[in-house]
Amino acid sequence: MGQKEKLIEKLKSKPKTFTFEDAESLLGYFNYHRSNKGKTSGSRVMFSSEDHKTKILLHKPHPRKELLEYQVKQLIEQLEQEDLL
């Protein structure tokens, strides 16, 4: 099982330890690219892709590294909408 499949399985299990870095790596496998949402974006980060219509907006957690439960749920829903999960 490759890294992409491991991240997919981890995300689907709705873990409390899914980090922002995990999300960024997984989205990279689906050709999403990170961009800050404007000069005053703060911790808001947008992931977009030329291959997919859905733009994914995440708040980069700080000081912790793990996404909150609602963020994991939103990420799963958005990837399911694109038939990626």
PDB file of N, CA and C in Angstrom:
ATOM      1  N   MET A   1       0.850  -1.185   0.000  1.00  0.00           N
ATOM      2  CA  MET A   1       0.000   0.000   0.000  1.00  0.00           C
ATOM      3  C   MET A   1       0.884   1.233   0.000  1.00  0.00           C
ATOM      4  N   GLY A   2       0.631   2.145  -0.941  1.00  0.00           N
ATOM      5  CA  GLY A   2       1.434   3.351  -1.058  1.00  0.00           C
ATOM      6  C   GLY A   2       1.012   4.428  -0.061  1.00  0.00           C
ATOM      7  N   GLN A   3       1.770   5.495  -0.037  1.00  0.00           N
ATOM      8  CA  GLN A   3       1.499   6.602   0.889  1.00  0.00           C
ATOM      9  C   GLN A   3       0.122   7.212   0.641  1.00  0.00           C
ATOM     10  N   LYS A   4      -0.264   7.363  -0.634  1.00  0.00           N
ATOM     11  CA  LYS A   4      -1.575   7.925  -0.963  1.00  0.00           C
ATOM     12  C   LYS A   4      -2.689   7.077  -0.361  1.00  0.00           C
ATOM     13  N   GLU A   5      -2.613   5.770  -0.544  1.00  0.00           N
ATOM     14  CA  GLU A   5      -3.642   4.868  -0.016  1.00  0.00           C
ATOM     15  C   GLU A   5      -3.675   4.888   1.512  1.00  0.00           C
ATOM     16  N   LYS A   6      -2.495   4.984   2.133  1.00  0.00           N
ATOM     17  CA  LYS A   6      -2.434   5.047   3.594  1.00  0.00           C
ATOM     18  C   LYS A   6      -3.126   6.314   4.108  1.00  0.00           C
ATOM     19  N   LEU A   7      -2.886   7.438   3.427  1.00  0.00           N
ATOM     20  CA  LEU A   7      -3.519   8.691   3.837  1.00  0.00           C
ATOM     21  C   LEU A   7      -5.030   8.639   3.635  1.00  0.00           C
ATOM     22  N   ILE A   8      -5.473   8.025   2.546  1.00  0.00           N
ATOM     23  CA  ILE A   8      -6.914   7.887   2.290  1.00  0.00           C
ATOM     24  C   ILE A   8      -7.566   7.056   3.390  1.00  0.00           C
ATOM     25  N   GLU A   9      -6.951   5.926   3.725  1.00  0.00           N
ATOM     26  CA  GLU A   9      -7.500   5.064   4.779  1.00  0.00           C
ATOM     27  C   GLU A   9      -7.517   5.792   6.122  1.00  0.00           C
ATOM     28  N   LYS A  10      -6.445   6.510   6.398  1.00  0.00           N
ATOM     29  CA  LYS A  10      -6.374   7.260   7.657  1.00  0.00           C
ATOM     30  C   LYS A  10      -7.480   8.309   7.713  1.00  0.00           C
ATOM     31  N   LEU A  11      -7.676   9.047   6.630  1.00  0.00           N
ATOM     32  CA  LEU A  11      -8.706  10.084   6.595  1.00  0.00           C
ATOM     33  C   LEU A  11     -10.094   9.478   6.759  1.00  0.00           C
ATOM     34  N   LYS A  12     -10.359   8.392   6.067  1.00  0.00           N
ATOM     35  CA  LYS A  12     -11.684   7.754   6.131  1.00  0.00           C
ATOM     36  C   LYS A  12     -12.022   7.260   7.535  1.00  0.00           C
ATOM     37  N   SER A  13     -11.002   6.964   8.336  1.00  0.00           N
ATOM     38  CA  SER A  13     -11.242   6.489   9.700  1.00  0.00           C
ATOM     39  C   SER A  13     -11.559   7.644  10.658  1.00  0.00           C
ATOM     40  N   LYS A  14     -11.550   8.882  10.139  1.00  0.00           N
ATOM     41  CA  LYS A  14     -11.841  10.102  10.914  1.00  0.00           C
ATOM     42  C   LYS A  14     -10.996  10.189  12.190  1.00  0.00           C
ATOM     43  N   PRO A  15      -9.680  10.165  12.032  1.00  0.00           N
ATOM     44  CA  PRO A  15      -8.804  10.170  13.211  1.00  0.00           C
ATOM     45  C   PRO A  15      -8.727  11.545  13.861  1.00  0.00           C
ATOM     46  N   LYS A  16      -8.324  11.562  15.096  1.00  0.00           N
ATOM     47  CA  LYS A  16      -8.109  12.833  15.794  1.00  0.00           C
ATOM     48  C   LYS A  16      -6.686  13.332  15.545  1.00  0.00           C
ATOM     49  N   THR A  17      -5.891  12.533  14.826  1.00  0.00           N
ATOM     50  CA  THR A  17      -4.483  12.876  14.614  1.00  0.00           C
ATOM     51  C   THR A  17      -4.172  13.135  13.142  1.00  0.00           C
ATOM     52  N   PHE A  18      -5.160  13.558  12.349  1.00  0.00           N
ATOM     53  CA  PHE A  18      -4.904  13.872  10.944  1.00  0.00           C
ATOM     54  C   PHE A  18      -4.368  15.295  10.895  1.00  0.00           C
ATOM     55  N   THR A  19      -3.114  15.430  10.501  1.00  0.00           N
ATOM     56  CA  THR A  19      -2.453  16.734  10.559  1.00  0.00           C
ATOM     57  C   THR A  19      -2.687  17.540   9.285  1.00  0.00           C
ATOM     58  N   PHE A  20      -2.398  18.825   9.375  1.00  0.00           N
ATOM     59  CA  PHE A  20      -2.466  19.694   8.207  1.00  0.00           C
ATOM     60  C   PHE A  20      -1.506  19.188   7.132  1.00  0.00           C
ATOM     61  N   GLU A  21      -0.341  18.714   7.545  1.00  0.00           N
ATOM     62  CA  GLU A  21       0.642  18.189   6.595  1.00  0.00           C
ATOM     63  C   GLU A  21       0.102  16.941   5.887  1.00  0.00           C
ATOM     64  N   ASP A  22      -0.627  16.077   6.631  1.00  0.00           N
ATOM     65  CA  ASP A  22      -1.268  14.915   6.019  1.00  0.00           C
ATOM     66  C   ASP A  22      -2.254  15.367   4.940  1.00  0.00           C
ATOM     67  N   ALA A  23      -3.070  16.360   5.290  1.00  0.00           N
ATOM     68  CA  ALA A  23      -4.077  16.868   4.345  1.00  0.00           C
ATOM     69  C   ALA A  23      -3.402  17.455   3.109  1.00  0.00           C
ATOM     70  N   GLU A  24      -2.350  18.236   3.316  1.00  0.00           N
ATOM     71  CA  GLU A  24      -1.648  18.855   2.200  1.00  0.00           C
ATOM     72  C   GLU A  24      -1.013  17.786   1.301  1.00  0.00           C
ATOM     73  N   SER A  25      -0.446  16.749   1.888  1.00  0.00           N
ATOM     74  CA  SER A  25       0.144  15.661   1.103  1.00  0.00           C
ATOM     75  C   SER A  25      -0.921  14.938   0.294  1.00  0.00           C
ATOM     76  N   LEU A  26      -2.045  14.611   0.942  1.00  0.00           N
ATOM     77  CA  LEU A  26      -3.121  13.902   0.256  1.00  0.00           C
ATOM     78  C   LEU A  26      -3.679  14.739  -0.893  1.00  0.00           C
ATOM     79  N   LEU A  27      -3.905  16.013  -0.638  1.00  0.00           N
ATOM     80  CA  LEU A  27      -4.437  16.884  -1.690  1.00  0.00           C
ATOM     81  C   LEU A  27      -3.445  17.008  -2.846  1.00  0.00           C
ATOM     82  N   GLY A  28      -2.166  16.959  -2.552  1.00  0.00           N
ATOM     83  CA  GLY A  28      -1.146  16.982  -3.600  1.00  0.00           C
ATOM     84  C   GLY A  28      -1.254  15.776  -4.517  1.00  0.00           C
ATOM     85  N   TYR A  29      -1.588  14.618  -3.959  1.00  0.00           N
ATOM     86  CA  TYR A  29      -1.775  13.417  -4.778  1.00  0.00           C
ATOM     87  C   TYR A  29      -2.945  13.583  -5.745  1.00  0.00           C
ATOM     88  N   PHE A  30      -3.909  14.439  -5.377  1.00  0.00           N
ATOM     89  CA  PHE A  30      -5.070  14.688  -6.235  1.00  0.00           C
ATOM     90  C   PHE A  30      -4.894  15.950  -7.085  1.00  0.00           C
ATOM     91  N   ASN A  31      -3.664  16.435  -7.200  1.00  0.00           N
ATOM     92  CA  ASN A  31      -3.315  17.609  -8.012  1.00  0.00           C
ATOM     93  C   ASN A  31      -3.907  18.916  -7.500  1.00  0.00           C
ATOM     94  N   TYR A  32      -4.104  19.010  -6.197  1.00  0.00           N
ATOM     95  CA  TYR A  32      -4.495  20.283  -5.591  1.00  0.00           C
ATOM     96  C   TYR A  32      -3.226  21.027  -5.205  1.00  0.00           C
ATOM     97  N   HIS A  33      -3.260  22.342  -5.361  1.00  0.00           N
ATOM     98  CA  HIS A  33      -2.108  23.175  -5.038  1.00  0.00           C
ATOM     99  C   HIS A  33      -2.517  24.210  -4.000  1.00  0.00           C
ATOM    100  N   ARG A  34      -1.613  24.476  -3.089  1.00  0.00           N
ATOM    101  CA  ARG A  34      -1.876  25.389  -1.974  1.00  0.00           C
ATOM    102  C   ARG A  34      -1.626  26.832  -2.377  1.00  0.00           C
ATOM    103  N   SER A  35      -2.513  27.698  -1.915  1.00  0.00           N
ATOM    104  CA  SER A  35      -2.278  29.133  -2.064  1.00  0.00           C
ATOM    105  C   SER A  35      -2.896  29.829  -0.865  1.00  0.00           C
ATOM    106  N   ASN A  36      -2.250  30.891  -0.413  1.00  0.00           N
ATOM    107  CA  ASN A  36      -2.828  31.670   0.675  1.00  0.00           C
ATOM    108  C   ASN A  36      -3.984  32.467   0.100  1.00  0.00           C
ATOM    109  N   LYS A  37      -5.000  32.673   0.896  1.00  0.00           N
ATOM    110  CA  LYS A  37      -6.202  33.346   0.421  1.00  0.00           C
ATOM    111  C   LYS A  37      -6.041  34.850   0.624  1.00  0.00           C
ATOM    112  N   GLY A  38      -5.232  35.489  -0.193  1.00  0.00           N
ATOM    113  CA  GLY A  38      -5.034  36.933  -0.095  1.00  0.00           C
ATOM    114  C   GLY A  38      -3.946  37.310   0.895  1.00  0.00           C
ATOM    115  N   LYS A  39      -3.578  38.584   0.881  1.00  0.00           N
ATOM    116  CA  LYS A  39      -2.491  39.060   1.735  1.00  0.00           C
ATOM    117  C   LYS A  39      -2.831  38.985   3.213  1.00  0.00           C
ATOM    118  N   THR A  40      -4.108  39.140   3.538  1.00  0.00           N
ATOM    119  CA  THR A  40      -4.511  39.139   4.939  1.00  0.00           C
ATOM    120  C   THR A  40      -5.187  37.829   5.309  1.00  0.00           C
ATOM    121  N   SER A  41      -4.770  36.759   4.687  1.00  0.00           N
ATOM    122  CA  SER A  41      -5.435  35.476   4.889  1.00  0.00           C
ATOM    123  C   SER A  41      -5.191  34.878   6.264  1.00  0.00           C
ATOM    124  N   GLY A  42      -4.136  35.281   6.925  1.00  0.00           N
ATOM    125  CA  GLY A  42      -3.820  34.684   8.217  1.00  0.00           C
ATOM    126  C   GLY A  42      -3.539  33.206   8.043  1.00  0.00           C
ATOM    127  N   SER A  43      -4.278  32.382   8.755  1.00  0.00           N
ATOM    128  CA  SER A  43      -4.045  30.946   8.689  1.00  0.00           C
ATOM    129  C   SER A  43      -4.936  30.258   7.654  1.00  0.00           C
ATOM    130  N   ARG A  44      -5.733  31.031   6.920  1.00  0.00           N
ATOM    131  CA  ARG A  44      -6.601  30.427   5.909  1.00  0.00           C
ATOM    132  C   ARG A  44      -5.789  30.072   4.669  1.00  0.00           C
ATOM    133  N   VAL A  45      -5.952  28.842   4.238  1.00  0.00           N
ATOM    134  CA  VAL A  45      -5.220  28.344   3.083  1.00  0.00           C
ATOM    135  C   VAL A  45      -6.220  27.713   2.128  1.00  0.00           C
ATOM    136  N   MET A  46      -6.088  28.018   0.840  1.00  0.00           N
ATOM    137  CA  MET A  46      -6.976  27.438  -0.155  1.00  0.00           C
ATOM    138  C   MET A  46      -6.189  26.458  -1.011  1.00  0.00           C
ATOM    139  N   PHE A  47      -6.834  25.344  -1.317  1.00  0.00           N
ATOM    140  CA  PHE A  47      -6.277  24.359  -2.223  1.00  0.00           C
ATOM    141  C   PHE A  47      -7.176  24.325  -3.449  1.00  0.00           C
ATOM    142  N   SER A  48      -6.584  24.484  -4.612  1.00  0.00           N
ATOM    143  CA  SER A  48      -7.370  24.432  -5.840  1.00  0.00           C
ATOM    144  C   SER A  48      -6.653  23.539  -6.846  1.00  0.00           C
ATOM    145  N   SER A  49      -7.415  23.134  -7.850  1.00  0.00           N
ATOM    146  CA  SER A  49      -6.891  22.221  -8.852  1.00  0.00           C
ATOM    147  C   SER A  49      -7.528  22.523 -10.196  1.00  0.00           C
ATOM    148  N   GLU A  50      -6.762  22.408 -11.241  1.00  0.00           N
ATOM    149  CA  GLU A  50      -7.308  22.558 -12.584  1.00  0.00           C
ATOM    150  C   GLU A  50      -8.139  21.333 -12.961  1.00  0.00           C
ATOM    151  N   ASP A  51      -7.909  20.205 -12.268  1.00  0.00           N
ATOM    152  CA  ASP A  51      -8.613  18.956 -12.566  1.00  0.00           C
ATOM    153  C   ASP A  51      -9.962  18.849 -11.865  1.00  0.00           C
ATOM    154  N   HIS A  52     -10.165  19.638 -10.794  1.00  0.00           N
ATOM    155  CA  HIS A  52     -11.369  19.504  -9.969  1.00  0.00           C
ATOM    156  C   HIS A  52     -11.999  20.867  -9.751  1.00  0.00           C
ATOM    157  N   LYS A  53     -13.335  20.910  -9.699  1.00  0.00           N
ATOM    158  CA  LYS A  53     -14.024  22.198  -9.562  1.00  0.00           C
ATOM    159  C   LYS A  53     -14.066  22.705  -8.125  1.00  0.00           C
ATOM    160  N   THR A  54     -13.993  21.792  -7.152  1.00  0.00           N
ATOM    161  CA  THR A  54     -14.095  22.174  -5.752  1.00  0.00           C
ATOM    162  C   THR A  54     -12.805  22.822  -5.268  1.00  0.00           C
ATOM    163  N   LYS A  55     -12.942  24.009  -4.655  1.00  0.00           N
ATOM    164  CA  LYS A  55     -11.816  24.634  -3.971  1.00  0.00           C
ATOM    165  C   LYS A  55     -11.958  24.269  -2.500  1.00  0.00           C
ATOM    166  N   ILE A  56     -10.864  23.896  -1.888  1.00  0.00           N
ATOM    167  CA  ILE A  56     -10.893  23.443  -0.499  1.00  0.00           C
ATOM    168  C   ILE A  56     -10.210  24.492   0.366  1.00  0.00           C
ATOM    169  N   LEU A  57     -10.960  25.015   1.333  1.00  0.00           N
ATOM    170  CA  LEU A  57     -10.438  26.029   2.236  1.00  0.00           C
ATOM    171  C   LEU A  57     -10.225  25.402   3.605  1.00  0.00           C
ATOM    172  N   LEU A  58      -9.019  25.519   4.112  1.00  0.00           N
ATOM    173  CA  LEU A  58      -8.696  24.997   5.443  1.00  0.00           C
ATOM    174  C   LEU A  58      -8.025  26.094   6.262  1.00  0.00           C
ATOM    175  N   HIS A  59      -8.263  26.071   7.554  1.00  0.00           N
ATOM    176  CA  HIS A  59      -7.510  26.919   8.464  1.00  0.00           C
ATOM    177  C   HIS A  59      -6.335  26.087   8.957  1.00  0.00           C
ATOM    178  N   LYS A  60      -5.153  26.614   8.761  1.00  0.00           N
ATOM    179  CA  LYS A  60      -3.962  25.911   9.230  1.00  0.00           C
ATOM    180  C   LYS A  60      -3.929  26.009  10.751  1.00  0.00           C
ATOM    181  N   PRO A  61      -3.966  24.861  11.422  1.00  0.00           N
ATOM    182  CA  PRO A  61      -4.024  24.899  12.883  1.00  0.00           C
ATOM    183  C   PRO A  61      -2.711  25.384  13.493  1.00  0.00           C
ATOM    184  N   HIS A  62      -2.837  26.116  14.586  1.00  0.00           N
ATOM    185  CA  HIS A  62      -1.657  26.562  15.320  1.00  0.00           C
ATOM    186  C   HIS A  62      -2.075  26.798  16.752  1.00  0.00           C
ATOM    187  N   PRO A  63      -1.331  26.473  17.752  1.00  0.00           N
ATOM    188  CA  PRO A  63      -0.004  25.876  17.660  1.00  0.00           C
ATOM    189  C   PRO A  63      -0.042  24.366  17.407  1.00  0.00           C
ATOM    190  N   ARG A  64      -1.219  23.743  17.537  1.00  0.00           N
ATOM    191  CA  ARG A  64      -1.281  22.292  17.291  1.00  0.00           C
ATOM    192  C   ARG A  64      -1.095  22.025  15.796  1.00  0.00           C
ATOM    193  N   LYS A  65      -0.880  20.773  15.443  1.00  0.00           N
ATOM    194  CA  LYS A  65      -0.691  20.407  14.041  1.00  0.00           C
ATOM    195  C   LYS A  65      -1.896  19.655  13.491  1.00  0.00           C
ATOM    196  N   GLU A  66      -2.733  19.118  14.378  1.00  0.00           N
ATOM    197  CA  GLU A  66      -3.856  18.285  13.953  1.00  0.00           C
ATOM    198  C   GLU A  66      -5.057  19.137  13.551  1.00  0.00           C
ATOM    199  N   LEU A  67      -5.761  18.682  12.513  1.00  0.00           N
ATOM    200  CA  LEU A  67      -7.003  19.324  12.117  1.00  0.00           C
ATOM    201  C   LEU A  67      -8.068  18.995  13.159  1.00  0.00           C
ATOM    202  N   LEU A  68      -9.019  19.889  13.309  1.00  0.00           N
ATOM    203  CA  LEU A  68     -10.130  19.638  14.209  1.00  0.00           C
ATOM    204  C   LEU A  68     -11.107  18.673  13.550  1.00  0.00           C
ATOM    205  N   GLU A  69     -11.968  18.076  14.366  1.00  0.00           N
ATOM    206  CA  GLU A  69     -12.899  17.055  13.882  1.00  0.00           C
ATOM    207  C   GLU A  69     -13.763  17.575  12.724  1.00  0.00           C
ATOM    208  N   TYR A  70     -14.274  18.816  12.838  1.00  0.00           N
ATOM    209  CA  TYR A  70     -15.118  19.356  11.774  1.00  0.00           C
ATOM    210  C   TYR A  70     -14.334  19.550  10.477  1.00  0.00           C
ATOM    211  N   GLN A  71     -13.042  19.869  10.587  1.00  0.00           N
ATOM    212  CA  GLN A  71     -12.227  20.050   9.394  1.00  0.00           C
ATOM    213  C   GLN A  71     -12.016  18.730   8.664  1.00  0.00           C
ATOM    214  N   VAL A  72     -11.789  17.670   9.430  1.00  0.00           N
ATOM    215  CA  VAL A  72     -11.621  16.340   8.841  1.00  0.00           C
ATOM    216  C   VAL A  72     -12.910  15.943   8.124  1.00  0.00           C
ATOM    217  N   LYS A  73     -14.047  16.184   8.772  1.00  0.00           N
ATOM    218  CA  LYS A  73     -15.348  15.850   8.185  1.00  0.00           C
ATOM    219  C   LYS A  73     -15.575  16.640   6.886  1.00  0.00           C
ATOM    220  N   GLN A  74     -15.277  17.934   6.906  1.00  0.00           N
ATOM    221  CA  GLN A  74     -15.438  18.765   5.702  1.00  0.00           C
ATOM    222  C   GLN A  74     -14.531  18.285   4.578  1.00  0.00           C
ATOM    223  N   LEU A  75     -13.306  17.939   4.912  1.00  0.00           N
ATOM    224  CA  LEU A  75     -12.360  17.472   3.906  1.00  0.00           C
ATOM    225  C   LEU A  75     -12.866  16.189   3.257  1.00  0.00           C
ATOM    226  N   ILE A  76     -13.376  15.268   4.075  1.00  0.00           N
ATOM    227  CA  ILE A  76     -13.936  14.024   3.544  1.00  0.00           C
ATOM    228  C   ILE A  76     -15.104  14.333   2.608  1.00  0.00           C
ATOM    229  N   GLU A  77     -16.017  15.207   3.045  1.00  0.00           N
ATOM    230  CA  GLU A  77     -17.185  15.549   2.227  1.00  0.00           C
ATOM    231  C   GLU A  77     -16.776  16.167   0.897  1.00  0.00           C
ATOM    232  N   GLN A  78     -15.823  17.069   0.926  1.00  0.00           N
ATOM    233  CA  GLN A  78     -15.404  17.743  -0.297  1.00  0.00           C
ATOM    234  C   GLN A  78     -14.719  16.766  -1.267  1.00  0.00           C
ATOM    235  N   LEU A  79     -13.904  15.869  -0.735  1.00  0.00           N
ATOM    236  CA  LEU A  79     -13.247  14.889  -1.600  1.00  0.00           C
ATOM    237  C   LEU A  79     -14.247  13.859  -2.150  1.00  0.00           C
ATOM    238  N   GLU A  80     -15.278  13.548  -1.349  1.00  0.00           N
ATOM    239  CA  GLU A  80     -16.326  12.650  -1.847  1.00  0.00           C
ATOM    240  C   GLU A  80     -17.134  13.299  -2.966  1.00  0.00           C
ATOM    241  N   GLN A  81     -17.371  14.602  -2.866  1.00  0.00           N
ATOM    242  CA  GLN A  81     -18.086  15.338  -3.916  1.00  0.00           C
ATOM    243  C   GLN A  81     -17.351  15.249  -5.250  1.00  0.00           C
ATOM    244  N   GLU A  82     -16.044  15.194  -5.177  1.00  0.00           N
ATOM    245  CA  GLU A  82     -15.223  15.101  -6.384  1.00  0.00           C
ATOM    246  C   GLU A  82     -14.975  13.639  -6.793  1.00  0.00           C
ATOM    247  N   ASP A  83     -15.605  12.700  -6.094  1.00  0.00           N
ATOM    248  CA  ASP A  83     -15.413  11.264  -6.331  1.00  0.00           C
ATOM    249  C   ASP A  83     -13.964  10.836  -6.186  1.00  0.00           C
ATOM    250  N   LEU A  84     -13.278  11.430  -5.226  1.00  0.00           N
ATOM    251  CA  LEU A  84     -11.878  11.089  -4.975  1.00  0.00           C
ATOM    252  C   LEU A  84     -11.742  10.085  -3.828  1.00  0.00           C
ATOM    253  N   LEU A  85     -12.801   9.948  -3.036  1.00  0.00           N
ATOM    254  CA  LEU A  85     -12.802   8.974  -1.930  1.00  0.00           C
ATOM    255  C   LEU A  85     -13.908   7.973  -2.170  1.00  0.00           C
TER     256      LEU A  85
END
